[in-house]
N, C-alpha and C. Protein backbone atom coordinates (compact mmCIF):
# COMPACT_ATOMS: atom_id res chain seq x y z
N MET A 1 -4.75 106.92 197.99
CA MET A 1 -4.92 106.24 199.37
C MET A 1 -4.16 106.91 200.84
N ILE A 2 -2.99 106.80 200.50
CA ILE A 2 -1.71 107.10 201.55
C ILE A 2 -2.19 109.28 202.05
N TRP A 3 -2.18 110.14 200.19
CA TRP A 3 -2.87 111.29 200.96
C TRP A 3 -4.06 111.50 201.97
N ASN A 4 -4.96 110.36 202.07
CA ASN A 4 -6.00 110.67 203.08
C ASN A 4 -5.26 110.84 204.61
N TYR A 5 -4.70 109.55 204.62
CA TYR A 5 -3.54 109.38 206.13
C TYR A 5 -2.98 110.58 206.56
N ALA A 6 -2.27 111.36 205.49
CA ALA A 6 -1.40 112.43 205.71
C ALA A 6 -2.92 113.51 206.24
N ALA A 7 -4.21 113.65 205.19
CA ALA A 7 -4.22 115.00 204.81
C ALA A 7 -5.69 114.74 206.65
N GLN A 8 -5.46 113.11 206.93
CA GLN A 8 -6.54 112.93 208.00
C GLN A 8 -5.68 113.20 210.24
N GLY A 9 -4.48 113.39 209.52
CA GLY A 9 -3.60 113.40 210.68
C GLY A 9 -3.22 112.26 211.40
N TRP A 10 -2.83 111.24 210.02
CA TRP A 10 -2.69 109.78 210.68
C TRP A 10 -1.14 109.84 210.06
N SER A 11 -0.64 110.43 209.68
CA SER A 11 0.53 110.56 209.32
C SER A 11 1.92 109.70 210.40
N GLY A 12 1.24 109.98 211.64
CA GLY A 12 2.25 109.05 213.11
C GLY A 12 2.27 107.79 212.31
N GLU A 13 0.98 107.67 212.51
CA GLU A 13 0.63 106.17 212.37
C GLU A 13 1.16 105.17 210.71
N LEU A 14 1.09 106.07 210.19
CA LEU A 14 1.76 105.67 208.88
C LEU A 14 3.42 105.27 208.98
N LEU A 15 4.30 106.47 209.47
CA LEU A 15 5.15 106.45 209.40
C LEU A 15 5.78 105.47 210.56
N HIS A 16 4.62 105.20 211.45
CA HIS A 16 5.58 104.11 212.51
C HIS A 16 5.26 102.48 212.23
N PHE A 17 4.00 102.46 210.69
CA PHE A 17 3.61 101.30 210.25
C PHE A 17 4.76 100.80 209.09
N ASP A 18 5.11 101.72 208.35
CA ASP A 18 6.80 101.85 207.54
C ASP A 18 7.74 101.39 208.63
N ASP A 19 8.01 101.96 209.72
CA ASP A 19 8.92 101.74 210.23
C ASP A 19 8.93 99.72 210.80
N LEU A 20 7.73 99.51 211.61
CA LEU A 20 7.88 98.16 211.38
C LEU A 20 7.88 97.00 210.60
N PHE A 21 7.93 97.80 209.25
CA PHE A 21 7.46 96.64 208.13
C PHE A 21 9.13 96.71 207.68
N HIS A 22 9.70 97.89 208.08
CA HIS A 22 11.26 97.57 207.40
C HIS A 22 12.20 96.23 208.22
N GLU A 23 11.40 96.96 209.72
CA GLU A 23 12.32 96.31 211.48
C GLU A 23 11.58 94.63 210.90
N MET A 24 10.51 94.69 210.46
CA MET A 24 10.38 92.88 210.40
C MET A 24 11.07 92.31 209.03
N LEU A 25 11.05 92.61 208.05
CA LEU A 25 11.87 92.33 206.90
C LEU A 25 13.92 92.28 207.56
N PHE A 26 13.89 93.35 208.11
CA PHE A 26 15.59 92.87 208.57
C PHE A 26 15.47 92.02 209.84
N SER A 27 14.59 91.68 210.64
CA SER A 27 14.72 90.65 211.37
C SER A 27 14.79 89.49 210.76
N ILE A 28 13.33 89.77 209.77
CA ILE A 28 12.96 88.14 209.30
C ILE A 28 14.63 87.60 207.94
N CYS A 29 15.65 88.76 208.03
CA CYS A 29 16.60 87.95 207.55
C CYS A 29 17.48 87.99 208.29
N LYS A 30 17.46 88.43 209.67
CA LYS A 30 18.55 87.71 210.55
C LYS A 30 19.62 89.65 210.32
N LYS A 31 18.60 89.87 209.83
CA LYS A 31 20.03 91.80 209.98
C LYS A 31 19.09 92.75 210.98
N ASP A 32 19.49 92.26 212.39
CA ASP A 32 18.84 93.11 212.79
C ASP A 32 19.47 94.17 213.83
N LEU A 33 21.40 93.46 213.35
CA LEU A 33 22.26 95.25 213.71
C LEU A 33 22.12 95.84 212.54
N ILE A 34 21.99 95.47 211.33
CA ILE A 34 22.31 96.56 210.33
C ILE A 34 20.95 97.72 210.59
N TYR A 35 19.86 96.97 210.72
CA TYR A 35 18.45 97.46 211.00
C TYR A 35 18.73 98.28 211.97
N ASN A 36 19.44 98.12 213.44
CA ASN A 36 19.32 99.16 214.17
C ASN A 36 20.40 100.10 214.10
N ILE A 37 21.32 99.88 213.51
CA ILE A 37 23.03 101.06 213.32
C ILE A 37 22.14 101.69 212.11
N SER A 38 21.66 100.96 210.81
CA SER A 38 20.49 102.03 210.05
C SER A 38 19.67 102.78 210.59
N ASN A 39 19.14 102.38 211.46
CA ASN A 39 17.74 103.37 212.38
C ASN A 39 17.98 104.57 213.10
N GLY A 40 19.69 104.28 213.76
CA GLY A 40 20.11 105.04 214.75
C GLY A 40 20.24 106.09 213.39
N LEU A 41 20.63 106.27 212.12
CA LEU A 41 21.22 107.35 211.33
C LEU A 41 20.35 107.90 210.38
N SER A 42 18.87 107.85 210.50
CA SER A 42 18.46 108.14 209.55
C SER A 42 17.41 110.09 209.96
N ILE A 43 17.93 109.82 210.88
CA ILE A 43 17.01 111.96 211.49
C ILE A 43 16.70 112.34 210.00
N HIS A 44 17.59 112.35 208.80
CA HIS A 44 17.50 113.07 208.13
C HIS A 44 16.38 112.76 206.77
N SER A 45 16.30 111.37 206.77
CA SER A 45 15.87 110.39 205.88
C SER A 45 14.33 110.77 206.48
N ASP A 46 14.40 110.34 208.24
CA ASP A 46 12.88 110.33 208.55
C ASP A 46 12.54 111.72 208.42
N ARG A 47 12.57 112.85 208.33
CA ARG A 47 12.56 114.20 207.77
C ARG A 47 12.09 114.37 206.53
N LEU A 48 13.00 113.98 205.60
CA LEU A 48 12.14 113.65 203.93
C LEU A 48 10.77 113.15 204.38
N ARG A 49 10.87 111.74 205.10
CA ARG A 49 10.10 110.77 204.68
C ARG A 49 8.55 111.74 205.14
N ARG A 50 8.47 112.23 206.76
CA ARG A 50 7.46 113.39 207.05
C ARG A 50 6.41 114.00 206.01
N MET A 51 7.95 114.91 205.48
CA MET A 51 7.63 116.26 204.39
C MET A 51 6.93 115.45 203.83
N ALA A 52 7.07 114.06 203.30
CA ALA A 52 6.79 113.98 201.86
C ALA A 52 5.33 113.76 201.99
N LEU A 53 4.86 112.77 203.24
CA LEU A 53 3.75 112.63 203.76
C LEU A 53 3.11 113.63 202.94
N PHE A 54 2.92 114.94 203.10
CA PHE A 54 1.74 116.21 202.91
C PHE A 54 2.21 116.60 201.85
N ALA A 55 3.53 116.49 201.36
CA ALA A 55 3.93 117.19 199.86
C ALA A 55 3.59 116.11 198.64
N VAL A 56 3.72 114.85 198.28
CA VAL A 56 3.49 114.17 197.37
C VAL A 56 2.21 113.96 196.89
N LYS A 57 1.72 113.95 196.01
CA LYS A 57 0.38 113.46 195.61
C LYS A 57 0.42 111.97 195.88
N ASP A 58 1.30 111.24 195.40
CA ASP A 58 0.99 109.92 194.95
C ASP A 58 2.20 108.84 195.32
N LEU A 59 2.11 108.94 196.62
CA LEU A 59 3.21 108.18 197.27
C LEU A 59 2.93 107.05 197.28
N LYS A 60 3.84 105.53 197.41
CA LYS A 60 3.46 104.74 196.97
C LYS A 60 4.01 103.46 198.13
N VAL A 61 4.32 103.92 198.98
CA VAL A 61 4.79 103.51 200.35
C VAL A 61 3.59 101.80 200.56
N VAL A 62 2.43 102.05 200.53
CA VAL A 62 1.71 100.86 201.18
C VAL A 62 1.94 100.11 200.14
N SER A 63 1.81 100.96 198.77
CA SER A 63 1.80 99.48 197.80
C SER A 63 3.02 98.95 197.62
N ASP A 64 4.36 99.93 197.27
CA ASP A 64 5.83 99.00 197.93
C ASP A 64 5.55 97.96 198.25
N HIS A 65 5.31 98.25 199.96
CA HIS A 65 5.34 97.25 200.58
C HIS A 65 4.39 96.16 199.93
N ARG A 66 3.39 96.50 199.38
CA ARG A 66 2.50 94.93 199.10
C ARG A 66 3.19 94.48 198.13
N ARG A 67 3.56 94.89 196.77
CA ARG A 67 4.22 94.53 195.88
C ARG A 67 5.72 93.34 196.62
N ILE A 68 7.00 94.41 197.58
CA ILE A 68 7.74 93.62 197.90
C ILE A 68 7.27 91.92 198.90
N VAL A 69 5.78 91.90 199.84
CA VAL A 69 5.93 90.84 200.06
C VAL A 69 4.85 89.82 199.38
N ASP A 70 4.34 90.41 198.48
CA ASP A 70 4.11 89.92 197.21
C ASP A 70 5.06 88.46 196.40
N ALA A 71 6.01 89.43 196.05
CA ALA A 71 7.26 88.80 195.42
C ALA A 71 8.09 87.89 196.17
N ILE A 72 7.94 89.01 197.44
CA ILE A 72 8.64 87.38 198.83
C ILE A 72 7.40 85.63 198.51
N ARG A 73 6.22 86.25 198.38
CA ARG A 73 5.44 85.00 199.16
C ARG A 73 5.76 84.55 197.72
N ALA A 74 5.70 84.71 196.40
CA ALA A 74 5.98 84.18 195.17
C ALA A 74 7.80 83.60 194.90
N LYS A 75 8.23 84.06 196.06
CA LYS A 75 9.90 83.40 196.31
C LYS A 75 10.35 84.06 194.69
N ASP A 76 10.40 85.21 194.64
CA ASP A 76 10.96 85.83 193.06
C ASP A 76 11.97 86.67 193.37
N ARG A 77 13.11 86.65 193.89
CA ARG A 77 13.90 87.10 194.49
C ARG A 77 14.55 88.06 193.27
N GLN A 78 14.61 87.69 192.41
CA GLN A 78 14.68 89.07 191.50
C GLN A 78 14.16 90.05 191.33
N LEU A 79 12.57 89.95 191.35
CA LEU A 79 11.10 91.00 191.02
C LEU A 79 11.30 91.56 192.92
N ALA A 80 11.45 91.15 194.43
CA ALA A 80 12.04 91.45 195.68
C ALA A 80 13.17 92.52 195.50
N GLY A 81 13.85 92.20 194.46
CA GLY A 81 14.93 92.98 195.08
C GLY A 81 14.68 94.06 193.96
N THR A 82 14.22 94.20 192.67
CA THR A 82 14.40 95.03 191.68
C THR A 82 13.24 96.03 192.67
N ILE A 83 12.01 95.86 193.40
CA ILE A 83 11.08 96.50 194.12
C ILE A 83 11.81 97.17 194.83
N LEU A 84 12.52 96.17 195.50
CA LEU A 84 13.69 97.11 197.14
C LEU A 84 13.71 98.13 196.34
N VAL A 85 14.62 97.87 195.53
CA VAL A 85 15.58 98.99 194.92
C VAL A 85 14.74 100.61 194.77
N GLU A 86 14.28 99.98 194.35
CA GLU A 86 12.89 100.95 193.58
C GLU A 86 12.13 101.62 194.86
N HIS A 87 11.76 101.00 195.69
CA HIS A 87 11.47 101.65 197.62
C HIS A 87 12.51 102.30 197.63
N LEU A 88 13.25 101.78 197.67
CA LEU A 88 14.03 102.69 198.79
C LEU A 88 15.27 103.57 198.24
N THR A 89 14.73 103.90 196.48
CA THR A 89 15.84 105.28 196.21
C THR A 89 14.27 106.19 195.58
N ARG A 90 13.31 105.85 196.09
CA ARG A 90 12.50 106.53 195.55
C ARG A 90 11.96 107.95 196.01
N TYR A 91 12.55 108.21 197.16
CA TYR A 91 13.23 109.35 197.58
C TYR A 91 13.75 110.61 196.64
N ILE A 92 14.32 110.42 195.65
CA ILE A 92 15.23 110.61 195.17
C ILE A 92 14.16 111.48 194.08
N GLY A 93 13.26 110.74 193.71
CA GLY A 93 11.91 111.71 193.12
C GLY A 93 10.99 112.54 193.63
N GLU A 94 10.84 112.29 194.83
CA GLU A 94 10.06 112.68 195.59
C GLU A 94 10.75 113.51 196.43
N GLU A 95 12.20 113.92 196.44
CA GLU A 95 12.84 115.66 196.90
C GLU A 95 12.21 116.26 196.33
N LYS A 96 11.60 116.54 195.21
CA LYS A 96 11.37 117.66 194.00
C LYS A 96 10.14 118.75 194.20
N GLU A 97 9.64 117.34 195.02
CA GLU A 97 8.32 118.22 195.10
C GLU A 97 8.20 118.39 196.75
N VAL A 98 8.85 117.52 197.68
CA VAL A 98 9.05 118.42 199.13
C VAL A 98 9.34 119.63 198.68
N ARG A 99 10.01 119.73 198.83
CA ARG A 99 11.43 121.02 197.84
C ARG A 99 10.09 122.52 197.69
N GLU A 100 9.56 122.17 197.00
CA GLU A 100 8.10 122.65 195.83
C GLU A 100 7.56 123.47 197.41
N VAL A 101 7.13 122.26 197.93
CA VAL A 101 6.68 122.71 199.13
C VAL A 101 6.85 123.04 200.35
N TYR A 102 8.30 122.75 200.77
CA TYR A 102 9.46 123.43 202.28
C TYR A 102 9.90 124.30 201.59
N PRO A 103 10.40 124.94 200.52
CA PRO A 103 12.02 125.23 200.09
C PRO A 103 12.60 125.63 201.57
N HIS A 104 12.13 126.32 202.19
CA HIS A 104 13.01 127.19 203.50
C HIS A 104 13.65 125.95 204.45
N TYR A 105 13.36 124.57 203.77
CA TYR A 105 14.33 123.44 204.62
C TYR A 105 15.16 123.00 203.90
N PHE A 106 15.81 123.62 202.99
CA PHE A 106 16.22 123.07 201.46
C PHE A 106 17.53 123.94 201.55
N LYS A 107 18.75 123.77 201.49
CA LYS A 107 19.69 124.62 201.48
C LYS A 107 20.34 124.31 199.78
N ASP A 108 20.23 125.41 198.71
CA ASP A 108 21.33 124.55 197.65
C ASP A 108 22.62 124.99 197.34
């Protein structure tokens, strides 16, 4: 499903809603300052996220967000934490696919 967003030119909207989701979670936790600081330092991760929309065949951004919300609704802190770690470190696995599609953006 996410692949269709990128193919149809909706990558900007997807990234916008991804950012809003993260901002809402930080706000709910009353960690707005941490969000603002980290958001200001995210230029490289934003670039990688945008390239991943076109390079990674099986993005799990939306399904991760759904799983996080479900865990929070179920008041399962351990599961929510586990999913958050998976979500926030997923770029490590996706970087290989991004490098294959955009090798000229990386310096070894």
